[in-house]
Amino acid sequence: MEFKVPTMAELMAMGEEPEILFWVGCAGSYDERAQKITRDICKILHHVGIKYAVLGTEESCTGDPAKRAGNEFLFQMQAMTNIEVLNGYNIKKIVTGCPHCFNTIKNEYPGLGGTYEVIHHSQLIQDLINEGKLKAEGGESFKGKKITFHDPCYLGRGNNVYEAPRKALEVLDAQLVEMKRCKSNGLCCGAGGAQMFKEPERGDKDINIERIEEALATQPQVIAAGCPFCMTMLSDGVKLKDKEQEIKVLDIAEITARANGL
């Protein structure tokens, strides 16, 4: 599937406005693995006919890592720069592929003058499934497979979004199995709080290894994720356990795109 992803500047130059702005995020822009998720989110938006745009080079980091690491000054500088751009384009609705971006823009930008309707891509997918615009007609690759979903901290406990990602899995002819710790009792993948960018503290076991062991206990063929940080930590855990040939780690958007033959 080939199509052009428009930027806000390009749409505005044509006198048009998008229904939704897709906030790509740093991981979705620069991380090679997360770029695949970005492409599938765009495929889904294109497939259902939603008019959308990205900021392109006008988008910068939301400031989440800086804030979690304790640099409030840097966070506010980054946030204000983004808010100026978003307000300049009169943005009303934003979809993100990253719970960290989702949480920051949704909950922390309003206090700095940036108030928007912000949804995670799994919530968009849930809405599209409910509207009958997304199905699982091409979901044969998941038929009968065991799938377990890891709840991202900022999506689940941070914003109480548990059912949206599971909705995308429930429409598949697959078996959704829950980990021992899930939903409001879910365990962090180990990347939150800017921990992804530093070495782990000394302990008996790295958090991502403990989490992947819980996932492996469900004997899944697919581990589903909804966050690029979680994707990295879970994928690394699968590699360390030498399970790459048996288990795939896929984002909700990737699973949905494949199930719909995109």
Protein backbone atom coordinates (compact mmCIF):
# COMPACT_ATOMS: atom_id res chain seq x y z
CA MET A 1 0.00 0.00 0.00
CA GLU A 2 1.54 3.27 -1.13
CA PHE A 3 0.22 6.71 -0.20
CA LYS A 4 1.53 10.08 0.86
CA VAL A 5 1.30 11.23 4.46
CA PRO A 6 0.55 14.98 4.42
CA THR A 7 2.02 17.48 6.86
CA MET A 8 -0.02 20.18 8.53
CA ALA A 9 1.89 22.83 6.59
CA GLU A 10 0.98 21.15 3.28
CA LEU A 11 -2.71 20.88 4.16
CA MET A 12 -2.90 24.45 5.39
CA ALA A 13 -1.24 25.67 2.19
CA MET A 14 -4.14 24.05 0.30
CA GLY A 15 -6.69 25.62 2.63
CA GLU A 16 -7.61 22.28 4.20
CA GLU A 17 -7.80 21.01 7.77
CA PRO A 18 -7.43 17.42 9.01
CA GLU A 19 -9.94 15.57 11.16
CA ILE A 20 -7.08 14.44 13.35
CA LEU A 21 -3.40 15.14 13.91
CA PHE A 22 -1.19 12.07 14.21
CA TRP A 23 1.50 12.79 16.81
CA VAL A 24 4.28 10.42 15.75
CA GLY A 25 6.63 10.84 18.72
CA CYS A 26 10.40 10.45 18.93
CA ALA A 27 10.40 6.65 18.96
CA GLY A 28 7.92 6.45 16.09
CA SER A 29 10.07 8.84 14.10
CA TYR A 30 13.60 7.61 14.75
CA ASP A 31 13.53 4.06 16.14
CA GLU A 32 13.64 1.55 13.30
CA ARG A 33 11.33 -0.94 15.05
CA ALA A 34 8.83 1.74 16.10
CA GLN A 35 8.77 3.16 12.55
CA LYS A 36 6.94 -0.01 11.48
CA ILE A 37 4.21 0.79 14.01
CA THR A 38 4.01 4.34 12.68
CA ARG A 39 3.52 3.05 9.14
CA ASP A 40 0.73 0.71 10.24
CA ILE A 41 -1.10 3.49 12.10
CA CYS A 42 -0.94 5.53 8.90
CA LYS A 43 -2.19 2.53 6.89
CA ILE A 44 -5.18 2.21 9.21
CA LEU A 45 -6.00 5.93 9.00
CA HIS A 46 -5.70 5.82 5.22
CA HIS A 47 -7.75 2.62 4.95
CA VAL A 48 -10.76 4.00 6.84
CA GLY A 49 -10.62 7.35 5.05
CA ILE A 50 -9.81 9.60 7.99
CA LYS A 51 -8.30 12.88 6.87
CA TYR A 52 -5.16 13.29 8.95
CA ALA A 53 -1.78 14.97 8.96
CA VAL A 54 1.52 14.96 10.83
CA LEU A 55 3.66 17.88 11.92
CA GLY A 56 6.79 16.48 10.29
CA THR A 57 9.88 18.48 11.18
CA GLU A 58 7.75 20.85 13.29
CA GLU A 59 7.18 18.10 15.85
CA SER A 60 9.66 17.79 18.72
CA CYS A 61 9.84 15.70 21.89
CA THR A 62 6.87 16.20 24.22
CA GLY A 63 9.28 16.62 27.12
CA ASP A 64 8.19 13.43 28.92
CA PRO A 65 11.71 11.98 29.41
CA ALA A 66 13.00 15.33 30.70
CA LYS A 67 10.14 15.67 33.19
CA ARG A 68 10.44 12.08 34.46
CA ALA A 69 14.18 12.58 34.89
CA GLY A 70 13.51 15.67 37.01
CA ASN A 71 14.33 18.47 34.56
CA GLU A 72 11.13 20.49 34.81
CA PHE A 73 12.71 23.52 33.12
CA LEU A 74 13.62 21.55 29.98
CA PHE A 75 10.19 19.92 29.97
CA GLN A 76 8.40 23.26 30.00
CA MET A 77 10.63 24.61 27.24
CA GLN A 78 9.86 21.61 25.04
CA ALA A 79 6.17 21.65 25.91
CA MET A 80 5.72 25.36 25.20
CA THR A 81 7.42 24.99 21.82
CA ASN A 82 5.00 22.21 20.87
CA ILE A 83 1.96 24.03 22.23
CA GLU A 84 2.84 27.09 20.15
CA VAL A 85 2.95 24.96 17.01
CA LEU A 86 -0.26 23.05 17.84
CA ASN A 87 -2.21 26.19 18.72
CA GLY A 88 -0.87 27.91 15.62
CA TYR A 89 -2.54 25.20 13.53
CA ASN A 90 -5.68 25.30 15.69
CA ILE A 91 -5.37 21.59 16.46
CA LYS A 92 -8.37 20.08 18.23
CA LYS A 93 -7.88 16.30 18.15
CA ILE A 94 -4.66 14.26 18.39
CA VAL A 95 -3.94 10.53 18.12
CA THR A 96 -0.65 9.19 19.44
CA GLY A 97 1.19 5.91 19.02
CA CYS A 98 2.94 6.29 22.37
CA PRO A 99 1.35 6.29 25.85
CA HIS A 100 4.09 8.62 27.10
CA CYS A 101 3.19 11.24 24.49
CA PHE A 102 -0.50 10.51 25.09
CA ASN A 103 -0.25 11.09 28.83
CA THR A 104 1.92 14.20 28.57
CA ILE A 105 -0.13 16.02 25.94
CA LYS A 106 -3.46 14.96 27.48
CA ASN A 107 -2.73 15.64 31.14
CA GLU A 108 0.18 18.06 31.38
CA TYR A 109 -0.12 20.38 28.39
CA PRO A 110 -3.49 21.89 29.49
CA GLY A 111 -1.80 23.60 32.42
CA LEU A 112 0.57 25.29 30.00
CA GLY A 113 -2.08 26.49 27.55
CA GLY A 114 -2.47 23.43 25.34
CA THR A 115 -5.88 21.76 25.65
CA TYR A 116 -6.73 19.09 23.08
CA GLU A 117 -8.75 15.90 22.69
CA VAL A 118 -6.03 13.25 22.87
CA ILE A 119 -6.53 9.55 22.19
CA HIS A 120 -4.18 6.58 22.04
CA HIS A 121 -4.13 4.63 18.80
CA SER A 122 -5.74 1.63 20.49
CA GLN A 123 -8.73 3.84 21.40
CA LEU A 124 -9.02 4.95 17.78
CA ILE A 125 -8.88 1.30 16.68
CA GLN A 126 -11.58 0.39 19.21
CA ASP A 127 -13.86 3.15 17.86
CA LEU A 128 -13.26 2.03 14.27
CA ILE A 129 -14.07 -1.58 15.18
CA ASN A 130 -17.27 -0.48 16.93
CA GLU A 131 -18.23 1.51 13.82
CA GLY A 132 -17.64 -1.52 11.61
CA LYS A 133 -14.82 0.17 9.69
CA LEU A 134 -12.19 -2.31 10.86
CA LYS A 135 -12.71 -6.07 10.93
CA ALA A 136 -10.53 -9.15 11.05
CA GLU A 137 -11.26 -10.60 7.63
CA GLY A 138 -7.58 -11.18 6.91
CA GLY A 139 -6.70 -12.35 10.38
CA GLU A 140 -5.89 -15.93 9.44
CA SER A 141 -2.30 -15.48 10.62
CA PHE A 142 -3.63 -15.13 14.19
CA LYS A 143 -6.27 -17.85 14.03
CA GLY A 144 -6.17 -20.05 17.11
CA LYS A 145 -3.04 -18.43 18.47
CA LYS A 146 -2.50 -17.48 22.08
CA ILE A 147 -2.00 -13.73 22.51
CA THR A 148 -1.18 -11.94 25.75
CA PHE A 149 -1.31 -8.16 26.12
CA HIS A 150 1.11 -6.12 28.23
CA ASP A 151 -0.53 -3.00 29.71
CA PRO A 152 1.69 0.10 29.27
CA CYS A 153 1.87 2.03 32.55
CA TYR A 154 0.82 5.39 31.13
CA LEU A 155 -2.05 3.84 29.18
CA GLY A 156 -3.41 1.56 31.88
CA ARG A 157 -2.76 2.69 35.43
CA GLY A 158 -1.99 6.23 34.32
CA ASN A 159 -5.14 6.80 32.25
CA ASN A 160 -7.39 3.81 32.94
CA VAL A 161 -7.38 2.56 29.33
CA TYR A 162 -7.60 -1.22 29.51
CA GLU A 163 -10.37 -2.36 27.19
CA ALA A 164 -9.44 -0.53 23.98
CA PRO A 165 -6.35 -2.61 23.13
CA ARG A 166 -8.10 -5.80 24.14
CA LYS A 167 -10.99 -4.98 21.81
CA ALA A 168 -8.58 -5.16 18.86
CA LEU A 169 -7.54 -8.64 20.01
CA GLU A 170 -11.02 -9.91 20.83
CA VAL A 171 -12.20 -9.51 17.22
CA LEU A 172 -9.50 -11.95 16.10
CA ASP A 173 -10.13 -15.68 15.98
CA ALA A 174 -7.46 -16.04 18.63
CA GLN A 175 -7.20 -16.81 22.35
CA LEU A 176 -6.51 -13.82 24.58
CA VAL A 177 -4.69 -14.95 27.72
CA GLU A 178 -3.93 -12.60 30.61
CA MET A 179 -0.70 -12.48 32.57
CA LYS A 180 -0.74 -13.02 36.33
CA ARG A 181 -0.30 -9.27 36.80
CA CYS A 182 -2.43 -7.34 34.34
CA LYS A 183 -4.68 -4.28 33.99
CA SER A 184 -4.58 -2.19 37.19
CA ASN A 185 -2.19 -4.71 38.72
CA GLY A 186 0.11 -4.78 35.71
CA LEU A 187 3.89 -4.72 36.02
CA CYS A 188 6.03 -2.04 34.35
CA CYS A 189 8.23 -3.21 31.46
CA GLY A 190 11.15 -1.34 33.04
CA ALA A 191 11.40 1.57 30.61
CA GLY A 192 9.23 4.17 32.34
CA GLY A 193 10.45 7.20 34.25
CA ALA A 194 13.26 7.72 31.72
CA GLN A 195 14.74 4.38 32.85
CA MET A 196 14.97 3.32 29.22
CA PHE A 197 17.89 5.70 28.74
CA LYS A 198 20.06 4.49 31.62
CA GLU A 199 21.46 1.29 33.06
CA PRO A 200 19.15 -0.49 35.53
CA GLU A 201 19.78 -0.27 39.26
CA ARG A 202 21.37 -3.26 40.90
CA GLY A 203 18.89 -5.90 41.89
CA ASP A 204 18.12 -9.58 41.76
CA LYS A 205 16.52 -9.32 38.33
CA ASP A 206 15.94 -6.67 35.67
CA ILE A 207 12.28 -5.61 35.48
CA ASN A 208 11.91 -6.45 31.79
CA ILE A 209 13.15 -10.00 32.47
CA GLU A 210 10.66 -10.41 35.31
CA ARG A 211 7.89 -9.12 33.06
CA ILE A 212 8.82 -11.31 30.10
CA GLU A 213 8.86 -14.35 32.38
CA GLU A 214 5.27 -13.54 33.36
CA ALA A 215 4.39 -13.27 29.68
CA LEU A 216 6.10 -16.55 28.84
CA ALA A 217 4.17 -18.27 31.64
CA THR A 218 1.00 -17.82 29.55
CA GLN A 219 2.67 -19.81 26.71
CA PRO A 220 1.82 -17.20 24.07
CA GLN A 221 2.67 -17.17 20.39
CA VAL A 222 2.22 -13.40 20.30
CA ILE A 223 2.94 -10.77 22.95
CA ALA A 224 0.93 -7.65 22.14
CA ALA A 225 2.15 -4.18 23.08
CA GLY A 226 0.81 -0.65 22.82
CA CYS A 227 3.93 1.40 23.48
CA PRO A 228 7.27 1.70 21.63
CA PHE A 229 9.19 1.70 24.93
CA CYS A 230 7.43 -1.50 26.02
CA MET A 231 8.10 -2.94 22.56
CA THR A 232 11.85 -2.48 23.06
CA MET A 233 11.92 -3.95 26.55
CA LEU A 234 9.68 -6.92 25.72
CA SER A 235 11.56 -7.67 22.49
CA ASP A 236 14.87 -7.58 24.36
CA GLY A 237 13.44 -9.94 26.96
CA VAL A 238 12.30 -12.40 24.29
CA LYS A 239 15.79 -12.30 22.74
CA LEU A 240 17.50 -12.90 26.09
CA LYS A 241 15.22 -15.89 26.67
CA ASP A 242 16.09 -17.16 23.15
CA LYS A 243 12.41 -17.27 22.15
CA GLU A 244 12.54 -15.11 19.00
CA GLN A 245 11.64 -17.98 16.68
CA GLU A 246 8.63 -19.01 18.74
CA ILE A 247 7.16 -15.72 19.94
CA LYS A 248 6.45 -12.47 18.11
CA VAL A 249 6.17 -9.13 19.87
CA LEU A 250 3.71 -6.96 17.92
CA ASP A 251 1.97 -3.66 18.52
CA ILE A 252 -1.82 -3.45 18.50
CA ALA A 253 -1.61 -1.38 15.30
CA GLU A 254 0.51 -4.04 13.57
CA ILE A 255 -1.91 -6.79 14.59
CA THR A 256 -4.90 -4.74 13.41
CA ALA A 257 -3.25 -3.86 10.10
CA ARG A 258 -2.41 -7.50 9.38
CA ALA A 259 -5.88 -8.69 10.41
CA ASN A 260 -7.39 -6.24 7.93
CA GLY A 261 -5.02 -7.19 5.13
CA LEU A 262 -3.23 -3.83 5.07
